[in-house]
């Protein structure tokens, strides 16, 4: 069986499971809190523990994949994540559930970088637009499907099924990969960079914790400020240490690569805007318009249809014709417009307009994620692909956490509720301001997209009749 197919199936299944888990669990948190008789603040630790664990283990994933082999690490990550999901479903206390979520995060943190590196090594540059279209499916479909599936499972079965749902998909991906996946041999990456791992993992983990807890506890709380400050200090120390290391775990020298640097700039801002909007629109539907969790999920779900259609349009039509610079710029503008139009929704506006805008948002986001993932690795050598994938996924993960934190903070500052005739009423202005902020952030990504040179990514554009091949411009060494 073609390794392109095998890697694609295993990676998409694993990523879909991991990203779905992050959103599906949020729907079940109130029920879990009631079941364990804990406060809403305490139950948030279930999500925070997963995000922090992801952040800690992402930096080591690239080195492990190169050192032990992509197949071995990817299958181990799937096995750990799946087993931890079963344990989460069996948890009898909040402490147990948080501990098992940390174990889940360890598996999830290794999934994305290792799987992405294997996918890009399996696909030659001219076919990476197809690989990027594959990658877009789990990263954009799962966040929209999570609330729908979570609402159904919690309502009709039990909160434990939001974890059990991972078991058949994880087991199938593991067995399929064990049988058909081939090992990808890479040059030895050198000794394990312990200082780099500790500084990057702890720094990123602390920063993710502070950013995630800031909107809940308050940005002026000493523990939030201390956590963020400690994370920034550790990451600053990591930069200094890694730039001096001959074999760094986090290879910051890759940012000398113009195309890779621009791609990361687009990815972080697009992730902030997109994932922040998905979170804010869920609050808008439930708290602003009074929909149930299931109704909110169903109203958000048109975004997934937009992504699926948009990914095909991007990979088959627009990218070969436009190239990454214009393609990504158009996608960012379309994303900004779609999110900005959400700010026009009033208390009496038909919800079908919001659903239509979610459809156009998905269509536009596909024109960002597909080309940026295809182009960013064009001038990265095969030996550096694992390290580049680690950085790319860390940026995406951090962007999503920042997006949720920023838009939640905006909603809290404006005030989601105000008094009318002495009665508390949803203040839709808070959500409108949040959508305008997200639209502005998406538009800021245009600065990075315009810095992309199409000739740098020429080898990723499929040949078309009448378009001669173009040699990519030379780049600094990324080996």
Protein backbone atom coordinates (compact mmCIF):
# COMPACT_ATOMS: atom_id res chain seq x y z
CA UNK A 1 0.00 0.00 0.00
CA UNK A 2 1.24 3.49 -0.89
CA UNK A 3 2.91 5.17 2.08
CA UNK A 4 1.20 8.41 1.09
CA UNK A 5 -2.15 6.76 1.75
CA UNK A 6 -0.99 4.95 4.88
CA UNK A 7 0.62 7.97 6.53
CA UNK A 8 -2.37 10.12 5.57
CA UNK A 9 -4.89 7.69 7.08
CA UNK A 10 -2.97 7.15 10.32
CA UNK A 11 -2.09 10.80 10.82
CA UNK A 12 -5.53 12.22 10.00
CA UNK A 13 -7.20 9.66 12.29
CA UNK A 14 -4.81 10.44 15.14
CA UNK A 15 -5.02 14.21 14.73
CA UNK A 16 -8.78 14.14 14.39
CA UNK A 17 -9.02 12.17 17.64
CA UNK A 18 -6.66 14.51 19.48
CA UNK A 19 -8.22 17.81 18.34
CA UNK A 20 -11.77 16.49 18.76
CA UNK A 21 -10.92 15.57 22.34
CA UNK A 22 -9.89 19.12 23.17
CA UNK A 23 -13.30 20.54 22.14
CA UNK A 24 -15.65 17.68 22.99
CA UNK A 25 -14.55 17.64 26.64
CA UNK A 26 -15.50 21.31 27.13
CA UNK A 27 -19.16 20.43 26.56
CA UNK A 28 -19.02 17.83 29.33
CA UNK A 29 -17.29 20.00 31.98
CA UNK A 30 -20.47 21.22 33.76
CA UNK A 31 -21.79 17.64 33.99
CA UNK A 32 -18.43 16.36 35.27
CA UNK A 33 -18.39 19.12 37.89
CA UNK A 34 -21.82 18.13 39.16
CA UNK A 35 -20.92 14.44 39.15
CA UNK A 36 -17.75 15.00 41.20
CA UNK A 37 -19.34 17.81 43.25
CA UNK A 38 -16.61 20.37 42.43
CA UNK A 39 -16.78 24.04 41.47
CA UNK A 40 -16.63 25.38 37.92
CA UNK A 41 -13.18 26.81 38.64
CA UNK A 42 -11.89 23.43 39.80
CA UNK A 43 -13.33 21.52 36.86
CA UNK A 44 -11.48 23.82 34.44
CA UNK A 45 -8.31 22.01 35.51
CA UNK A 46 -9.43 19.11 33.28
CA UNK A 47 -8.91 21.22 30.16
CA UNK A 48 -5.94 23.19 31.49
CA UNK A 49 -4.03 20.01 32.40
CA UNK A 50 -4.42 18.69 28.86
CA UNK A 51 -3.27 21.94 27.22
CA UNK A 52 -0.25 22.32 29.50
CA UNK A 53 0.78 18.69 28.99
CA UNK A 54 0.54 19.17 25.22
CA UNK A 55 2.78 22.21 25.45
CA UNK A 56 5.39 20.40 27.55
CA UNK A 57 5.74 17.40 25.25
CA UNK A 58 5.55 19.10 21.84
CA UNK A 59 9.19 20.35 21.90
CA UNK A 60 10.61 16.83 22.42
CA UNK A 61 8.50 15.20 19.71
CA UNK A 62 10.68 16.13 16.74
CA UNK A 63 13.85 14.79 18.37
CA UNK A 64 12.11 11.59 19.44
CA UNK A 65 10.75 11.03 15.93
CA UNK A 66 14.21 11.43 14.39
CA UNK A 67 15.96 9.42 17.11
CA UNK A 68 13.59 6.47 17.46
CA UNK A 69 11.85 6.56 14.08
CA UNK A 70 8.58 8.20 13.09
CA UNK A 71 6.57 4.97 13.00
CA UNK A 72 7.59 3.91 16.50
CA UNK A 73 6.93 7.30 18.08
CA UNK A 74 3.66 7.94 16.23
CA UNK A 75 2.22 4.54 17.16
CA UNK A 76 3.40 4.95 20.76
CA UNK A 77 1.71 8.36 20.91
CA UNK A 78 -1.55 6.89 19.56
CA UNK A 79 -1.39 4.03 22.06
CA UNK A 80 -0.71 6.39 25.00
CA UNK A 81 -3.50 8.76 23.98
CA UNK A 82 -6.01 5.94 23.47
CA UNK A 83 -5.15 4.18 26.74
CA UNK A 84 -5.32 7.49 28.61
CA UNK A 85 -8.76 8.13 27.09
CA UNK A 86 -9.99 4.82 28.50
CA UNK A 87 -8.56 5.73 31.91
CA UNK A 88 -10.25 9.14 31.80
CA UNK A 89 -13.58 7.45 31.18
CA UNK A 90 -13.00 5.19 34.21
CA UNK A 91 -11.86 7.99 36.55
CA UNK A 92 -13.60 8.03 39.93
CA UNK A 93 -12.43 11.46 41.11
CA UNK A 94 -11.36 14.81 39.74
CA UNK A 95 -7.75 14.15 40.76
CA UNK A 96 -7.66 10.90 38.78
CA UNK A 97 -9.24 12.55 35.76
CA UNK A 98 -6.71 15.40 35.77
CA UNK A 99 -3.82 12.94 36.06
CA UNK A 100 -5.11 10.90 33.13
CA UNK A 101 -5.63 14.10 31.09
CA UNK A 102 -1.95 14.89 31.62
CA UNK A 103 -1.13 11.45 30.22
CA UNK A 104 -3.45 12.16 27.28
CA UNK A 105 -1.61 15.40 26.64
CA UNK A 106 1.72 13.56 26.57
CA UNK A 107 0.44 11.37 23.73
CA UNK A 108 -1.27 14.25 21.96
CA UNK A 109 1.83 16.44 22.14
CA UNK A 110 3.83 13.89 20.15
CA UNK A 111 1.11 13.15 17.57
CA UNK A 112 1.02 16.31 15.50
CA UNK A 113 4.73 17.12 14.96
CA UNK A 114 5.79 13.53 14.27
CA UNK A 115 2.82 12.79 12.02
CA UNK A 116 3.22 16.02 10.06
CA UNK A 117 6.93 15.35 9.52
CA UNK A 118 6.15 11.84 8.24
CA UNK A 119 3.46 13.19 5.92
CA UNK A 120 5.76 15.80 4.38
CA UNK A 121 8.54 13.24 3.94
CA UNK A 122 6.12 10.89 2.18
CA UNK A 123 4.89 13.57 -0.23
CA UNK A 124 7.36 15.26 -2.60
CA UNK A 125 7.15 19.08 -2.71
CA UNK A 126 4.94 19.21 -5.81
CA UNK A 127 2.35 17.02 -4.07
CA UNK A 128 2.41 18.74 -0.67
CA UNK A 129 -0.63 20.82 -1.53
CA UNK A 130 -2.51 17.50 -1.43
CA UNK A 131 -0.93 16.67 1.91
CA UNK A 132 -1.93 20.10 3.20
CA UNK A 133 -5.53 19.52 2.14
CA UNK A 134 -5.39 16.27 4.15
CA UNK A 135 -3.99 18.10 7.18
CA UNK A 136 -6.76 20.69 7.07
CA UNK A 137 -9.48 18.09 7.64
CA UNK A 138 -8.72 17.25 11.30
CA UNK A 139 -7.48 20.71 12.29
CA UNK A 140 -10.67 22.47 11.18
CA UNK A 141 -13.38 19.79 11.10
CA UNK A 142 -12.78 18.42 14.61
CA UNK A 143 -13.26 21.76 16.47
CA UNK A 144 -16.66 22.17 14.79
CA UNK A 145 -17.76 18.57 15.31
CA UNK A 146 -16.69 18.42 18.97
CA UNK A 147 -19.57 20.45 20.47
CA UNK A 148 -22.17 18.57 18.40
CA UNK A 149 -20.90 15.12 19.30
CA UNK A 150 -20.22 16.13 22.88
CA UNK A 151 -23.75 17.44 23.32
CA UNK A 152 -25.24 14.20 21.99
CA UNK A 153 -23.03 11.96 24.12
CA UNK A 154 -23.51 13.89 27.36
CA UNK A 155 -27.26 14.22 26.83
CA UNK A 156 -28.05 10.68 25.71
CA UNK A 157 -25.31 8.59 27.37
CA UNK A 158 -22.79 9.90 29.92
CA UNK A 159 -19.89 12.32 30.14
CA UNK A 160 -17.60 9.29 30.21
CA UNK A 161 -18.39 8.65 26.55
CA UNK A 162 -16.63 11.84 25.47
CA UNK A 163 -13.48 9.86 26.32
CA UNK A 164 -14.62 6.41 25.26
CA UNK A 165 -15.40 7.73 21.78
CA UNK A 166 -11.63 7.87 21.16
CA UNK A 167 -11.14 4.15 21.68
CA UNK A 168 -12.39 2.66 18.37
CA UNK A 169 -10.67 5.35 16.28
CA UNK A 170 -7.41 5.11 18.22
CA UNK A 171 -7.37 1.31 18.11
CA UNK A 172 -8.11 1.24 14.38
CA UNK A 173 -5.38 3.82 13.62
CA UNK A 174 -2.86 1.89 15.75
CA UNK A 175 -3.55 -1.49 14.12
CA UNK A 176 -3.61 -0.02 10.61
CA UNK A 177 -0.30 1.77 11.21
CA UNK A 178 1.28 -1.27 12.82
CA UNK A 179 0.49 -3.38 9.76
CA UNK A 180 1.06 -0.97 6.88
CA UNK A 181 3.24 1.91 8.10
CA UNK A 182 6.89 1.73 7.11
CA UNK A 183 9.75 3.18 9.11
CA UNK A 184 11.30 6.38 7.79
CA UNK A 185 15.01 6.39 8.43
CA UNK A 186 16.57 9.71 9.37
CA UNK A 187 20.02 10.87 10.34
CA UNK A 188 20.65 10.63 14.06
CA UNK A 189 19.71 13.97 15.65
CA UNK A 190 22.51 13.89 18.23
CA UNK A 191 22.27 13.80 21.99
CA UNK A 192 19.08 14.70 23.81
CA UNK A 193 19.09 18.45 24.50
CA UNK A 194 18.00 18.37 28.15
CA UNK A 195 18.36 22.14 28.80
CA UNK A 196 16.36 22.88 25.66
CA UNK A 197 13.64 20.39 26.63
CA UNK A 198 13.30 21.72 30.18
CA UNK A 199 13.33 25.39 29.22
CA UNK A 200 11.01 25.06 26.22
CA UNK A 201 8.62 22.55 27.79
CA UNK A 202 8.29 24.31 31.14
CA UNK A 203 8.27 27.77 29.55
CA UNK A 204 5.60 26.91 27.00
CA UNK A 205 3.59 24.98 29.59
CA UNK A 206 3.61 27.85 32.10
CA UNK A 207 2.74 30.36 29.42
CA UNK A 208 -0.16 28.20 28.19
CA UNK A 209 -1.40 27.83 31.77
CA UNK A 210 -1.29 31.56 32.43
CA UNK A 211 -2.94 32.47 29.14
CA UNK A 212 -5.68 29.87 29.63
CA UNK A 213 -6.42 30.82 33.25
CA UNK A 214 -6.17 34.59 32.79
CA UNK A 215 -9.75 35.10 31.52
CA UNK A 216 -11.17 32.85 34.28
CA UNK A 217 -9.24 34.03 37.32
CA UNK A 218 -8.48 37.58 36.17
CA UNK A 219 -5.36 38.95 34.52
CA UNK A 220 -4.45 40.89 37.66
CA UNK A 221 -4.25 37.80 39.86
CA UNK A 222 -0.73 37.21 41.27
CA UNK A 223 -0.59 33.54 40.28
CA UNK A 224 -1.63 34.31 36.69
CA UNK A 225 0.91 37.13 36.37
CA UNK A 226 3.64 35.06 38.01
CA UNK A 227 2.97 32.07 35.76
CA UNK A 228 3.05 34.14 32.57
CA UNK A 229 6.17 36.00 33.70
CA UNK A 230 7.93 32.75 34.57
CA UNK A 231 6.97 31.27 31.19
CA UNK A 232 8.31 34.29 29.31
CA UNK A 233 11.57 34.25 31.30
CA UNK A 234 12.10 30.54 30.64
CA UNK A 235 11.35 30.93 26.94
CA UNK A 236 13.76 33.86 26.72
CA UNK A 237 16.42 31.72 28.39
CA UNK A 238 15.55 28.91 25.95
CA UNK A 239 16.21 31.23 23.00
CA UNK A 240 19.63 32.13 24.36
CA UNK A 241 20.56 28.50 25.10
CA UNK A 242 19.23 27.01 21.87
CA UNK A 243 20.97 29.54 19.62
CA UNK A 244 24.28 28.47 21.16
CA UNK A 245 23.59 24.73 20.99
CA UNK A 246 25.08 22.77 18.07
CA UNK A 247 22.09 20.35 18.14
CA UNK A 248 19.15 22.27 19.64
CA UNK A 249 15.83 20.64 20.43
CA UNK A 250 14.01 23.80 19.34
CA UNK A 251 15.89 24.85 16.24
CA UNK A 252 15.32 28.61 16.18
CA UNK A 253 17.78 28.93 13.32
CA UNK A 254 15.01 27.65 11.07
CA UNK A 255 13.42 31.08 11.39
CA UNK A 256 16.24 32.43 9.23
CA UNK A 257 14.40 30.70 6.42
CA UNK A 258 12.25 33.47 4.94
CA UNK A 259 9.42 31.26 3.74
CA UNK A 260 9.18 29.22 6.94
CA UNK A 261 9.24 32.40 9.04
CA UNK A 262 6.43 33.97 7.03
CA UNK A 263 4.38 30.79 7.19
CA UNK A 264 4.65 30.69 10.98
CA UNK A 265 3.63 34.33 11.17
CA UNK A 266 0.48 33.61 9.18
CA UNK A 267 -0.27 30.43 11.14
CA UNK A 268 -0.11 32.02 14.59
CA UNK A 269 -2.35 34.97 13.69
CA UNK A 270 -4.80 32.83 11.72
CA UNK A 271 -5.03 30.38 14.64
CA UNK A 272 -5.66 33.21 17.10
CA UNK A 273 -8.48 34.60 14.95
CA UNK A 274 -10.05 31.31 13.86
CA UNK A 275 -9.98 29.28 17.09
CA UNK A 276 -10.85 32.35 19.14
CA UNK A 277 -13.88 32.96 16.91
CA UNK A 278 -15.04 29.34 17.20
CA UNK A 279 -14.99 29.71 20.97
CA UNK A 280 -16.68 33.14 20.96
CA UNK A 281 -19.42 32.09 18.54
CA UNK A 282 -20.26 29.19 20.84
CA UNK A 283 -20.70 31.63 23.73
CA UNK A 284 -22.75 33.90 21.45
CA UNK A 285 -25.12 31.12 20.47
CA UNK A 286 -25.55 29.80 24.03
CA UNK A 287 -25.30 32.84 26.29
CA UNK A 288 -26.26 35.54 23.80
CA UNK A 289 -29.08 33.83 21.90
CA UNK A 290 -30.16 31.15 24.37
CA UNK A 291 -29.38 28.02 22.33
CA UNK A 292 -28.57 24.70 23.97
CA UNK A 293 -25.05 23.26 23.76
CA UNK A 294 -26.25 20.92 21.01
CA UNK A 295 -28.02 23.72 19.15
CA UNK A 296 -24.88 25.84 19.38
CA UNK A 297 -22.77 23.03 17.99
CA UNK A 298 -25.16 22.45 15.09
CA UNK A 299 -25.16 26.17 14.28
CA UNK A 300 -21.35 26.23 14.27
CA UNK A 301 -21.05 23.08 12.18
CA UNK A 302 -21.56 24.75 8.74
CA UNK A 303 -17.95 25.91 9.17
CA UNK A 304 -16.87 22.30 8.67
CA UNK A 305 -18.70 22.05 5.34
CA UNK A 306 -17.00 25.26 4.23
CA UNK A 307 -13.58 23.86 5.13
CA UNK A 308 -14.13 20.57 3.33
CA UNK A 309 -15.27 22.27 0.16
CA UNK A 310 -12.69 25.02 0.48
CA UNK A 311 -9.82 22.55 0.88
CA UNK A 312 -10.65 20.97 -2.47
CA UNK A 313 -10.97 24.38 -4.12
CA UNK A 314 -7.63 25.43 -2.64
CA UNK A 315 -5.62 22.35 -3.57
CA UNK A 316 -7.08 21.66 -7.01
CA UNK A 317 -7.78 25.14 -8.40
CA UNK A 318 -6.50 28.20 -6.56
CA UNK A 319 -3.04 27.25 -5.28
CA UNK A 320 -1.70 26.02 -8.64
CA UNK A 321 -2.98 29.19 -10.32
CA UNK A 322 -2.34 31.87 -7.71
CA UNK A 323 0.67 30.64 -5.76
CA UNK A 324 0.96 31.03 -1.98
CA UNK A 325 1.35 34.82 -1.73
CA UNK A 326 -1.92 35.85 -3.36
CA UNK A 327 -3.77 32.73 -2.24
CA UNK A 328 -3.04 33.18 1.47
CA UNK A 329 -3.68 36.93 1.29
CA UNK A 330 -7.10 36.39 -0.28
CA UNK A 331 -7.88 33.76 2.35
CA UNK A 332 -6.94 36.08 5.23
CA UNK A 333 -9.04 38.93 3.83
CA UNK A 334 -11.99 36.58 3.34
CA UNK A 335 -11.55 35.30 6.90
CA UNK A 336 -11.44 38.83 8.28
CA UNK A 337 -14.56 39.86 6.37
CA UNK A 338 -16.50 36.75 7.45
CA UNK A 339 -15.63 37.26 11.12
CA UNK A 340 -16.24 41.02 10.89
CA UNK A 341 -19.74 40.48 9.48
CA UNK A 342 -20.61 38.45 12.58
CA UNK A 343 -20.42 41.76 14.45
CA UNK A 344 -23.51 42.95 12.55
CA UNK A 345 -25.74 40.26 14.06
CA UNK A 346 -28.46 41.76 16.26
CA UNK A 347 -30.88 40.25 18.79
CA UNK A 348 -33.52 39.75 16.10
CA UNK A 349 -31.23 38.66 13.26
CA UNK A 350 -32.03 35.23 11.88
CA UNK A 351 -29.56 32.65 13.09
CA UNK A 352 -29.33 31.41 9.51
CA UNK A 353 -27.25 34.48 8.71
CA UNK A 354 -24.79 33.46 11.43
CA UNK A 355 -24.72 29.91 10.05
CA UNK A 356 -24.10 31.22 6.55
CA UNK A 357 -21.19 33.30 7.83
CA UNK A 358 -19.77 30.22 9.55
CA UNK A 359 -19.90 28.48 6.17
CA UNK A 360 -18.01 31.33 4.49
CA UNK A 361 -15.54 31.42 7.40
CA UNK A 362 -14.71 27.76 6.82
CA UNK A 363 -14.37 28.35 3.09
CA UNK A 364 -12.00 31.28 3.68
CA UNK A 365 -9.94 29.53 6.36
CA UNK A 366 -9.27 26.65 3.99
CA UNK A 367 -7.64 29.23 1.69
CA UNK A 368 -5.25 30.07 4.55
CA UNK A 369 -4.44 26.75 6.20
CA UNK A 370 -4.07 24.68 3.02
CA UNK A 371 -1.59 26.95 1.19
CA UNK A 372 0.37 28.00 4.27
CA UNK A 373 0.98 24.38 5.28
CA UNK A 374 1.92 23.46 1.71
CA UNK A 375 4.33 26.35 1.23
CA UNK A 376 5.99 26.72 4.64
CA UNK A 377 8.11 23.56 4.33
CA UNK A 378 9.11 24.08 0.69
CA UNK A 379 12.70 25.06 1.49
CA UNK A 380 13.10 22.90 4.61
CA UNK A 381 15.45 19.94 4.12
CA UNK A 382 14.18 16.41 4.91
CA UNK A 383 16.61 16.19 7.83
CA UNK A 384 15.17 19.37 9.38
CA UNK A 385 11.52 18.53 8.73
CA UNK A 386 10.99 17.00 12.18
CA UNK A 387 12.34 20.06 13.98
CA UNK A 388 10.40 22.40 11.69
CA UNK A 389 7.18 20.46 12.29
CA UNK A 390 7.73 20.73 16.05
CA UNK A 391 8.01 24.52 15.87
CA UNK A 392 5.10 24.87 13.44
CA UNK A 393 2.76 22.89 15.70
CA UNK A 394 3.88 24.67 18.86
CA UNK A 395 3.05 27.99 17.19
CA UNK A 396 -0.38 26.71 16.11
CA UNK A 397 -1.16 25.37 19.59
CA UNK A 398 -0.09 28.58 21.31
CA UNK A 399 -2.07 30.66 18.80
CA UNK A 400 -5.26 28.76 19.59
CA UNK A 401 -4.83 29.25 23.35
CA UNK A 402 -4.11 32.97 22.90
CA UNK A 403 -7.16 33.35 20.63
CA UNK A 404 -9.53 31.87 23.22
CA UNK A 405 -7.93 33.96 25.99
CA UNK A 406 -8.03 37.24 24.06
CA UNK A 407 -11.63 36.96 22.90
CA UNK A 408 -12.87 35.71 26.29
CA UNK A 409 -11.13 38.68 27.92
CA UNK A 410 -12.76 41.11 25.50
CA UNK A 411 -16.21 39.64 26.24
CA UNK A 412 -15.61 39.87 30.01
CA UNK A 413 -14.31 43.45 29.82
CA UNK A 414 -17.26 44.70 27.76
CA UNK A 415 -19.67 42.67 29.88
CA UNK A 416 -21.70 39.72 28.54
CA UNK A 417 -24.75 40.81 30.58
CA UNK A 418 -26.33 44.20 31.25
CA UNK A 419 -29.47 45.36 33.05
CA UNK A 420 -32.59 46.48 31.20
CA UNK A 421 -35.48 47.61 33.42
CA UNK A 422 -33.74 45.92 36.32
CA UNK A 423 -33.48 42.53 34.57
CA UNK A 424 -30.21 40.93 33.38
CA UNK A 425 -30.14 40.62 29.60
CA UNK A 426 -27.44 39.26 27.31
CA UNK A 427 -25.23 42.08 26.03
CA UNK A 428 -24.59 41.21 22.39
CA UNK A 429 -22.22 44.18 22.09
CA UNK A 430 -19.61 42.16 23.99
CA UNK A 431 -19.64 39.47 21.30
CA UNK A 432 -19.64 42.04 18.49
CA UNK A 433 -16.51 43.68 19.86
CA UNK A 434 -14.86 40.25 20.22
CA UNK A 435 -15.61 39.42 16.57
CA UNK A 436 -14.18 42.77 15.43
CA UNK A 437 -10.99 42.08 17.41
CA UNK A 438 -10.66 38.65 15.81
CA UNK A 439 -11.25 40.13 12.35
CA UNK A 440 -8.49 42.70 12.96
CA UNK A 441 -6.08 39.98 14.09
CA UNK A 442 -6.77 37.95 10.93
CA UNK A 443 -6.13 41.04 8.83
CA UNK A 444 -2.77 41.56 10.56
CA UNK A 445 -1.68 38.25 9.07
CA UNK A 446 -1.64 39.90 5.63
CA UNK A 447 1.68 41.51 6.52
CA UNK A 448 3.23 38.05 6.80
CA UNK A 449 1.50 36.67 3.70
CA UNK A 450 2.73 39.57 1.56
CA UNK A 451 6.31 38.82 2.63
CA UNK A 452 6.09 35.41 0.92
CA UNK A 453 7.83 35.09 -2.45
CA UNK A 454 6.10 32.69 -4.80
CA UNK A 455 9.39 31.61 -6.34
CA UNK A 456 10.52 30.27 -2.94
CA UNK A 457 7.63 27.80 -3.02
CA UNK A 458 7.64 27.14 -6.76
CA UNK A 459 8.38 23.44 -6.27
CA UNK A 460 5.14 23.00 -4.27
CA UNK A 461 2.90 24.18 -7.12
CA UNK A 462 1.61 21.30 -9.28
CA UNK A 463 2.54 21.69 -12.94
CA UNK A 464 -0.17 23.18 -15.16
CA UNK A 465 -0.26 23.37 -18.94
CA UNK A 466 1.19 26.66 -20.03
CA UNK A 467 2.98 27.41 -16.77
CA UNK A 468 6.71 26.72 -16.96
CA UNK A 469 8.49 25.34 -13.94
CA UNK A 470 10.31 27.82 -11.72
CA UNK A 471 13.32 27.00 -9.65
CA UNK A 472 12.97 28.01 -6.02
CA UNK A 473 15.23 30.79 -4.78
CA UNK A 474 18.17 29.67 -2.62
CA UNK A 475 17.66 29.77 1.13
CA UNK A 476 19.95 29.58 4.14
CA UNK A 477 20.88 26.04 5.08
CA UNK A 478 18.18 24.37 7.17
CA UNK A 479 19.83 20.99 7.65
